Protein backbone atom coordinates (compact mmCIF):
# COMPACT_ATOMS: atom_id res chain seq x y z
CA MET A 1 0.00 0.00 0.00
CA SER A 2 1.20 3.50 -0.76
CA GLU A 3 1.90 5.65 2.25
CA ILE A 4 -0.56 8.48 2.88
CA GLN A 5 1.25 11.78 3.32
CA ASN A 6 0.29 14.54 5.70
CA TYR A 7 -0.44 17.71 3.80
CA THR A 8 -1.84 21.19 4.37
CA ILE A 9 -4.73 22.55 2.32
CA ASN A 10 -6.62 25.82 2.11
CA PHE A 11 -10.34 25.46 2.65
CA GLY A 12 -11.77 28.75 1.36
CA PRO A 13 -12.11 31.65 1.13
CA GLN A 14 -13.49 30.86 -2.34
CA HIS A 15 -15.15 27.61 -1.18
CA PRO A 16 -18.98 27.81 -1.41
CA ALA A 17 -19.34 26.62 2.20
CA ALA A 18 -16.74 29.08 3.54
CA HIS A 19 -18.95 32.18 3.13
CA GLY A 20 -16.40 33.77 0.81
CA VAL A 21 -14.48 35.30 3.71
CA LEU A 22 -13.36 32.39 5.90
CA ARG A 23 -10.00 30.80 5.21
CA LEU A 24 -9.35 27.52 6.99
CA VAL A 25 -5.85 26.10 6.89
CA LEU A 26 -6.36 22.36 7.34
CA GLU A 27 -3.60 19.90 8.24
CA MET A 28 -4.73 16.59 6.82
CA ASP A 29 -3.73 13.00 7.40
CA GLY A 30 -5.24 11.45 4.30
CA GLU A 31 -8.84 12.65 4.56
CA VAL A 32 -8.79 13.07 8.34
CA ILE A 33 -8.29 16.50 9.88
CA GLU A 34 -5.37 16.79 12.29
CA ARG A 35 -5.74 20.55 12.83
CA ALA A 36 -7.97 23.36 11.58
CA ASP A 37 -6.72 26.92 11.78
CA PRO A 38 -9.35 29.61 11.01
CA HIS A 39 -7.87 32.75 9.43
CA ILE A 40 -10.14 35.74 9.88
CA GLY A 41 -9.84 39.37 8.85
CA LEU A 42 -10.57 38.98 5.14
CA LEU A 43 -13.75 41.05 5.56
CA HIS A 44 -12.59 43.43 8.32
CA ARG A 45 -14.87 46.47 8.10
CA ALA A 46 -13.69 48.46 11.15
CA THR A 47 -17.24 48.97 12.43
CA GLU A 48 -16.07 49.64 15.99
CA LYS A 49 -13.59 52.28 14.81
CA LEU A 50 -16.07 53.93 12.43
CA ALA A 51 -18.56 54.22 15.29
CA GLU A 52 -16.16 56.55 17.15
CA SER A 53 -16.45 59.21 14.43
CA LYS A 54 -20.25 59.44 14.15
CA PRO A 55 -23.05 60.77 16.40
CA TYR A 56 -24.83 58.01 18.32
CA ASN A 57 -27.93 57.72 16.11
CA GLN A 58 -25.90 57.55 12.92
CA ASN A 59 -24.25 54.35 14.12
CA ILE A 60 -27.52 52.39 14.25
CA GLY A 61 -27.18 51.62 10.52
CA TYR A 62 -23.76 50.05 11.14
CA MET A 63 -25.34 47.63 13.63
CA ASP A 64 -27.70 46.29 10.93
CA ARG A 65 -24.71 45.44 8.79
CA LEU A 66 -22.82 43.48 11.48
CA ASP A 67 -24.74 40.24 11.36
CA TYR A 68 -26.67 40.98 8.19
CA VAL A 69 -29.08 38.11 8.88
CA SER A 70 -30.20 39.34 12.34
CA MET A 71 -30.51 43.02 11.67
CA MET A 72 -32.92 44.33 14.30
CA CYS A 73 -31.39 42.21 17.11
CA ASN A 74 -28.03 43.97 16.57
CA GLU A 75 -29.79 47.35 16.70
CA HIS A 76 -31.51 46.35 19.93
CA GLY A 77 -28.21 45.69 21.75
CA TYR A 78 -26.72 49.04 20.72
CA VAL A 79 -29.88 51.02 21.49
CA MET A 80 -30.20 49.33 24.90
CA ALA A 81 -26.63 50.39 25.79
CA ILE A 82 -27.44 54.03 24.89
CA GLU A 83 -30.67 53.89 26.92
CA LYS A 84 -28.75 52.53 29.92
CA LEU A 85 -26.36 55.49 29.85
CA LEU A 86 -29.16 58.02 29.30
CA GLY A 87 -31.25 56.43 32.06
CA ILE A 88 -34.37 56.31 29.89
CA LYS A 89 -36.98 53.62 29.28
CA PRO A 90 -38.97 53.37 26.03
CA PRO A 91 -42.80 53.24 26.12
CA VAL A 92 -44.30 49.79 26.73
CA ARG A 93 -45.77 49.60 23.23
CA ALA A 94 -42.31 50.21 21.74
CA GLN A 95 -40.92 47.39 23.91
CA TYR A 96 -43.57 44.98 22.64
CA ILE A 97 -42.82 45.98 19.05
CA ARG A 98 -39.11 45.36 19.72
CA VAL A 99 -39.76 41.91 21.19
CA MET A 100 -42.02 41.01 18.27
CA PHE A 101 -39.40 42.06 15.72
CA ASP A 102 -36.59 40.37 17.71
CA GLU A 103 -38.49 37.10 17.36
CA ILE A 104 -39.32 37.70 13.69
CA THR A 105 -35.58 38.30 13.25
CA ARG A 106 -34.81 35.02 15.07
CA ILE A 107 -37.07 33.15 12.64
CA LEU A 108 -35.46 34.97 9.67
CA ASN A 109 -32.00 34.01 10.95
CA HIS A 110 -32.85 30.36 11.56
CA LEU A 111 -34.52 30.07 8.15
CA LEU A 112 -31.41 31.30 6.37
CA TRP A 113 -29.24 29.08 8.58
CA LEU A 114 -31.36 26.03 7.75
CA ALA A 115 -31.40 26.87 4.03
CA ALA A 116 -27.62 27.32 3.80
CA HIS A 117 -26.70 24.48 6.19
CA ALA A 118 -28.89 21.97 4.32
CA LEU A 119 -27.62 23.19 0.94
CA ASP A 120 -23.99 22.83 2.06
CA ILE A 121 -24.66 19.24 3.15
CA GLY A 122 -26.54 18.48 -0.07
CA ALA A 123 -30.28 19.13 0.43
CA MET A 124 -31.35 21.59 -2.28
CA THR A 125 -35.10 21.67 -1.59
CA MET A 126 -34.70 23.22 1.88
CA PHE A 127 -33.13 26.31 0.36
CA LEU A 128 -36.20 26.98 -1.79
CA TYR A 129 -38.65 26.23 1.04
CA CYS A 130 -36.96 28.51 3.59
CA PHE A 131 -36.68 31.44 1.20
CA ARG A 132 -40.42 31.19 0.53
CA GLU A 133 -41.12 31.97 4.21
CA ARG A 134 -38.32 34.54 4.54
CA GLU A 135 -39.97 36.59 1.82
CA ASP A 136 -43.09 37.19 3.94
CA LEU A 137 -41.04 38.24 6.97
CA LEU A 138 -38.87 40.59 4.93
CA ASP A 139 -42.11 42.20 3.76
CA CYS A 140 -42.90 42.84 7.46
CA TYR A 141 -39.50 44.52 7.86
CA GLU A 142 -40.20 46.64 4.81
CA ALA A 143 -43.71 47.61 5.91
CA ALA A 144 -42.48 48.79 9.33
CA SER A 145 -39.19 50.47 8.40
CA GLY A 146 -39.15 51.03 4.65
CA ALA A 147 -36.15 48.72 4.13
CA ARG A 148 -36.13 44.98 3.44
CA MET A 149 -33.03 44.26 5.49
CA HIS A 150 -31.12 47.15 7.03
CA ALA A 151 -34.04 48.62 8.89
CA THR A 152 -32.52 51.21 11.30
CA TYR A 153 -35.92 50.90 13.00
CA TYR A 154 -34.98 50.80 16.70
CA ARG A 155 -34.02 54.21 18.09
CA PRO A 156 -32.98 55.30 21.60
CA GLY A 157 -36.31 55.96 23.33
CA GLY A 158 -38.45 53.59 21.26
CA VAL A 159 -38.89 52.75 17.59
CA TYR A 160 -38.87 54.97 14.50
CA ARG A 161 -42.65 54.87 13.93
CA ASP A 162 -45.75 52.87 14.81
CA LEU A 163 -46.78 49.80 12.83
CA PRO A 164 -48.63 50.58 9.57
CA ALA A 165 -52.41 50.17 9.42
CA GLN A 166 -52.17 49.02 5.80
CA MET A 167 -50.04 46.23 4.37
CA PRO A 168 -48.47 46.95 0.94
CA LYS A 169 -50.09 44.93 -1.86
CA TYR A 170 -48.90 43.31 -5.07
CA LYS A 171 -49.93 45.08 -8.28
CA ALA A 172 -50.97 43.50 -11.57
CA SER A 173 -48.11 43.06 -14.03
CA ARG A 174 -47.34 41.28 -17.27
CA TRP A 175 -46.40 38.17 -15.27
CA HIS A 176 -49.52 38.02 -13.06
CA ASN A 177 -53.08 38.73 -14.11
CA ALA A 178 -55.75 40.33 -11.89
CA LYS A 179 -57.05 36.96 -10.62
CA GLU A 180 -53.57 35.77 -9.53
CA ILE A 181 -52.86 39.14 -7.88
CA ALA A 182 -56.14 38.94 -5.91
CA LYS A 183 -55.06 35.51 -4.60
CA MET A 184 -51.58 36.83 -3.67
CA ASN A 185 -53.13 39.78 -1.81
CA GLU A 186 -55.61 37.71 0.21
CA ASN A 187 -53.65 38.03 3.47
CA ARG A 188 -52.61 41.65 2.79
CA GLU A 189 -56.06 43.24 3.08
CA GLY A 190 -55.58 44.30 6.71
CA SER A 191 -52.79 45.84 8.80
CA LEU A 192 -49.23 44.63 9.33
CA LEU A 193 -50.37 42.91 12.56
CA ASP A 194 -53.06 41.00 10.63
CA PHE A 195 -50.44 39.89 8.10
CA ILE A 196 -48.06 38.73 10.87
CA TRP A 197 -50.93 36.86 12.58
CA ASP A 198 -51.73 35.11 9.30
CA PHE A 199 -48.06 34.15 8.94
CA THR A 200 -47.94 32.65 12.46
CA ASP A 201 -51.03 30.60 11.54
CA ARG A 202 -49.31 29.12 8.48
CA PHE A 203 -45.73 28.83 9.72
CA PRO A 204 -45.96 25.82 12.13
CA LYS A 205 -47.14 23.65 9.20
CA ARG A 206 -44.14 24.86 7.20
CA ILE A 207 -41.79 23.83 10.04
CA ASP A 208 -43.44 20.38 9.92
CA GLU A 209 -42.55 20.26 6.20
CA TYR A 210 -38.89 21.01 6.99
CA GLU A 211 -38.89 18.25 9.60
CA THR A 212 -40.52 15.78 7.21
CA LEU A 213 -37.67 16.41 4.79
CA LEU A 214 -34.79 16.30 7.27
CA THR A 215 -35.39 15.10 10.84
CA ASP A 216 -35.61 11.36 10.09
CA ASN A 217 -33.79 11.50 6.75
CA ARG A 218 -30.98 8.94 7.00
CA ILE A 219 -28.55 10.93 4.85
CA TRP A 220 -29.12 14.04 7.00
CA LYS A 221 -28.56 12.00 10.18
CA GLN A 222 -25.41 10.36 8.79
CA ARG A 223 -24.02 13.83 8.06
CA THR A 224 -24.94 15.40 11.45
CA VAL A 225 -25.28 12.79 14.23
CA GLY A 226 -22.06 12.51 16.23
CA ILE A 227 -20.37 15.30 14.23
CA GLY A 228 -18.78 18.26 16.05
CA VAL A 229 -19.64 17.01 19.54
CA VAL A 230 -19.08 19.53 22.35
CA SER A 231 -19.77 18.43 25.93
CA LYS A 232 -21.73 20.57 28.39
CA GLU A 233 -18.64 21.45 30.44
CA ARG A 234 -16.52 22.21 27.38
CA ALA A 235 -19.20 24.43 25.83
CA LEU A 236 -19.20 26.55 28.99
CA GLN A 237 -15.39 26.72 29.08
CA LEU A 238 -15.24 27.79 25.43
CA GLY A 239 -17.65 30.68 26.03
CA PHE A 240 -20.46 29.28 23.87
CA SER A 241 -23.89 30.88 23.98
CA GLY A 242 -27.22 30.59 22.17
CA PRO A 243 -28.14 27.36 20.31
CA MET A 244 -24.49 26.21 20.39
CA LEU A 245 -24.63 26.14 24.22
CA ARG A 246 -28.21 24.89 24.46
CA GLY A 247 -27.44 22.11 21.98
CA SER A 248 -24.91 20.82 24.51
CA GLY A 249 -27.60 20.66 27.21
CA VAL A 250 -27.19 23.97 29.07
CA ALA A 251 -30.52 25.77 29.60
CA TRP A 252 -29.08 29.30 29.36
CA ASP A 253 -31.14 31.95 27.57
CA LEU A 254 -30.80 35.66 28.37
CA ARG A 255 -34.51 36.13 27.67
CA LYS A 256 -35.15 34.02 30.80
CA THR A 257 -32.02 34.50 32.92
CA GLN A 258 -31.56 38.27 32.44
CA PRO A 259 -34.90 39.43 30.95
CA TYR A 260 -34.91 42.68 28.98
CA ALA A 261 -37.73 44.62 27.22
CA VAL A 262 -40.96 42.70 28.01
CA TYR A 263 -39.67 39.12 27.93
CA GLU A 264 -40.75 38.63 31.56
CA ALA A 265 -44.36 38.84 30.36
CA MET A 266 -43.81 36.23 27.61
CA ASN A 267 -44.63 32.56 27.95
CA PHE A 268 -42.14 30.28 26.13
CA GLU A 269 -39.85 27.28 26.63
CA ILE A 270 -36.06 26.92 26.19
CA PRO A 271 -35.25 23.89 24.00
CA ILE A 272 -32.02 22.04 24.90
CA GLY A 273 -30.11 19.13 23.38
CA THR A 274 -28.49 16.09 25.01
CA GLU A 275 -25.57 15.01 22.80
CA GLY A 276 -24.08 18.38 21.77
CA ASP A 277 -23.66 17.33 18.12
CA CYS A 278 -24.73 18.99 14.84
CA TYR A 279 -28.04 17.10 14.88
CA ASP A 280 -28.96 18.35 18.36
CA ARG A 281 -28.18 21.93 17.39
CA TYR A 282 -30.43 21.49 14.35
CA LEU A 283 -33.29 20.24 16.56
CA VAL A 284 -32.78 23.13 19.02
CA ARG A 285 -33.04 25.74 16.27
CA ILE A 286 -36.11 24.09 14.75
CA GLU A 287 -37.86 24.18 18.14
CA GLU A 288 -36.71 27.79 18.65
CA MET A 289 -38.62 28.74 15.50
CA ARG A 290 -41.77 27.23 17.01
CA GLN A 291 -41.23 29.08 20.31
CA SER A 292 -40.55 32.37 18.48
CA THR A 293 -43.84 31.98 16.59
CA HIS A 294 -45.59 31.56 19.94
CA ILE A 295 -43.95 34.76 21.32
CA VAL A 296 -44.86 36.73 18.16
CA ARG A 297 -48.52 35.74 18.59
CA GLN A 298 -48.49 36.96 22.21
CA CYS A 299 -47.04 40.30 21.08
CA VAL A 300 -49.59 40.69 18.26
CA ASN A 301 -52.44 40.07 20.72
CA TRP A 302 -51.12 42.71 23.12
CA LEU A 303 -50.37 45.29 20.40
CA ARG A 304 -53.87 44.99 18.94
CA GLN A 305 -55.45 45.83 22.30
CA ASN A 306 -53.05 48.53 23.53
CA PRO A 307 -52.48 51.55 21.29
CA GLY A 308 -50.11 54.22 22.56
CA PRO A 309 -46.87 56.11 21.94
CA VAL A 310 -43.89 54.25 20.47
CA MET A 311 -41.31 56.97 21.19
CA LEU A 312 -40.43 59.19 24.15
CA GLU A 313 -41.69 62.75 23.97
CA ASN A 314 -38.25 64.08 24.92
CA HIS A 315 -37.14 66.12 21.89
CA LYS A 316 -33.56 66.30 23.14
CA ILE A 317 -33.31 62.59 22.18
CA ALA A 318 -36.23 61.85 19.85
CA PRO A 319 -37.12 64.09 16.89
CA PRO A 320 -40.48 65.89 16.80
CA SER A 321 -43.05 64.73 14.24
CA ARG A 322 -42.69 65.84 10.62
CA ILE A 323 -45.87 67.92 10.88
CA ALA A 324 -44.64 69.76 13.99
CA MET A 325 -41.23 70.28 12.38
CA LYS A 326 -42.83 72.03 9.39
CA GLN A 327 -45.12 74.26 11.46
CA ASP A 328 -43.24 75.14 14.63
CA MET A 329 -39.86 76.93 14.84
CA GLU A 330 -38.77 75.24 18.08
CA SER A 331 -39.47 71.79 16.60
CA LEU A 332 -37.47 72.72 13.51
CA ILE A 333 -34.49 73.68 15.72
CA HIS A 334 -34.80 70.38 17.66
CA HIS A 335 -34.94 68.47 14.36
CA PHE A 336 -31.90 70.26 12.93
CA LYS A 337 -29.81 69.84 16.10
CA LEU A 338 -30.67 66.14 16.40
CA PHE A 339 -29.88 65.24 12.79
CA SER A 340 -26.70 67.29 12.51
CA GLU A 341 -25.04 67.25 15.93
CA GLY A 342 -27.04 64.55 17.74
CA TYR A 343 -27.13 64.40 21.53
CA SER A 344 -24.44 63.91 24.17
CA LEU A 345 -24.41 61.01 26.61
CA PRO A 346 -23.27 61.50 30.22
CA LYS A 347 -19.74 60.26 30.98
CA GLY A 348 -19.63 56.60 31.86
CA GLU A 349 -19.84 53.10 30.44
CA ALA A 350 -22.58 50.54 29.88
CA TYR A 351 -22.86 46.97 28.67
CA ALA A 352 -26.09 45.69 27.18
CA ALA A 353 -26.53 42.08 26.11
CA LEU A 354 -29.41 40.26 24.50
CA GLU A 355 -30.27 36.78 23.27
CA HIS A 356 -29.36 37.16 19.62
CA PRO A 357 -30.31 34.28 17.26
CA LYS A 358 -26.65 33.16 17.32
CA GLY A 359 -25.98 33.62 21.05
CA GLU A 360 -25.14 36.46 23.41
CA PHE A 361 -24.72 39.70 21.48
CA GLY A 362 -23.32 42.46 23.68
CA VAL A 363 -22.44 46.10 23.16
CA TYR A 364 -19.99 47.77 25.56
CA LEU A 365 -20.27 51.52 25.22
CA VAL A 366 -17.88 54.09 26.71
CA SER A 367 -18.88 57.77 26.72
CA ASP A 368 -16.63 60.74 27.50
CA GLY A 369 -19.56 63.16 27.50
CA ALA A 370 -19.35 63.98 23.78
CA ASN A 371 -21.96 63.53 21.05
CA LYS A 372 -20.21 60.42 19.70
CA PRO A 373 -18.96 57.27 21.44
CA TYR A 374 -15.44 57.24 22.91
CA ARG A 375 -15.39 53.47 22.34
CA VAL A 376 -17.81 50.82 21.09
CA LYS A 377 -16.83 47.20 21.74
CA ILE A 378 -19.04 44.53 20.27
CA ARG A 379 -19.26 41.04 21.75
CA ALA A 380 -20.04 39.10 18.59
CA ALA A 381 -22.09 35.98 19.27
CA GLY A 382 -20.31 33.89 16.61
CA PHE A 383 -16.71 34.75 17.46
CA PRO A 384 -16.16 32.24 20.36
CA HIS A 385 -17.82 29.52 18.27
CA LEU A 386 -15.39 30.04 15.40
CA ALA A 387 -12.49 29.91 17.88
CA ALA A 388 -13.63 26.38 18.80
CA LEU A 389 -13.69 25.17 15.18
CA ASP A 390 -10.29 23.47 15.52
CA GLU A 391 -11.43 21.46 18.53
CA MET A 392 -14.74 20.53 16.90
CA ALA A 393 -13.18 19.42 13.60
CA ARG A 394 -10.20 17.32 14.80
CA GLY A 395 -10.47 13.67 13.89
CA HIS A 396 -13.34 14.29 11.46
CA MET A 397 -13.28 13.87 7.70
CA LEU A 398 -12.86 16.78 5.29
CA ALA A 399 -16.55 16.65 4.31
CA ASP A 400 -17.52 17.11 7.98
CA VAL A 401 -15.88 20.56 8.07
CA VAL A 402 -18.78 21.79 5.96
CA ALA A 403 -21.31 20.44 8.47
CA ILE A 404 -19.39 22.00 11.38
CA ILE A 405 -19.17 25.46 9.75
CA GLY A 406 -22.90 25.17 9.03
CA THR A 407 -23.88 24.16 12.57
CA GLN A 408 -21.99 27.14 14.01
CA ASP A 409 -24.18 29.54 12.02
CA ILE A 410 -21.40 32.11 11.75
CA VAL A 411 -21.81 35.36 9.82
CA PHE A 412 -18.58 37.16 9.15
CA GLY A 413 -19.96 40.67 9.39
CA GLU A 414 -19.89 40.41 13.17
CA VAL A 415 -16.78 38.22 13.44
CA ASP A 416 -14.70 40.63 11.32
CA ARG A 417 -16.24 43.74 12.79
């Protein structure tokens, strides 16, 4: 028999499963991985440094672009840190809207994760199914904020504006006649809340479809069961959080352990795994989508019954309405000052963390009393998981690296911040 040589190969950054910006240097013994060395920095966007040169509100848009799959959750962490330093609390209605959109964002994130993870392992259909549901939720983003992805919807003191009373509709075109358009607009006749409620009615059946395709599929189980095992103790030592930690059997969720916004009023369960392998993490995320749907329904119920303000009336922090700005000189001055110079935070520091779809997302904010941050440090949820890639991949085959990158659900915008 010919001797198998040890050799080093580059996995990525051009590899389809390496996100285009991850370079793994793999030391191989035949087809078995001896060592995996993740090289990061190929995307480095200097978000933390850029934030030091802009007024506080102008940095919210940067947060959307960190983890560009969990946009509003990133905003929430940053806005919470500002609110801590200012000592303000947004109106209750704004907090319910935030929780509702946090959970919509969690579903959006897990759908893209499932689509990409399954595609990387070889299941094409999942990609098409998941994008079908994502489209509806991105329409909710667009209806509320005006943007499909980078919403900049959360603001210190509340949210940009209240939820729309009318859902945008499809228009007849050369591809769809009037009858088809009427069918497509059936669930868009009411408000945004009605549309979200209709989605939460349909979505559990869709999750059942995903499970029918994957959960007992023998190829899926061969590719994920026993792959990338991390024990409960090791997951804690490595600084895991989110589904990566819960998949290893640790019931830690900031929505329960350190509640923020109105999560104390929500009724939901924390799914946990037993084996700590790729399959368990898949099951945890699938169940999280069900729990998120349940939370969204609770928020919709409350929001329907409780109208009210969605922003503080303090015009030193929140801009006056457009109508007031065009009719009243003082409002015009407030508007101009806010959008040019912004506001100053008192000297001090604050850390705000939330249960992001990928784990604990934290923003550490230092203020020197100026109108822009002295320092913004972001605790990216995916960074500690990527650091553990070497340990998770050792002894596995080359093809398993793809499954391990997929199960980590890393997005490089926040890793290479």
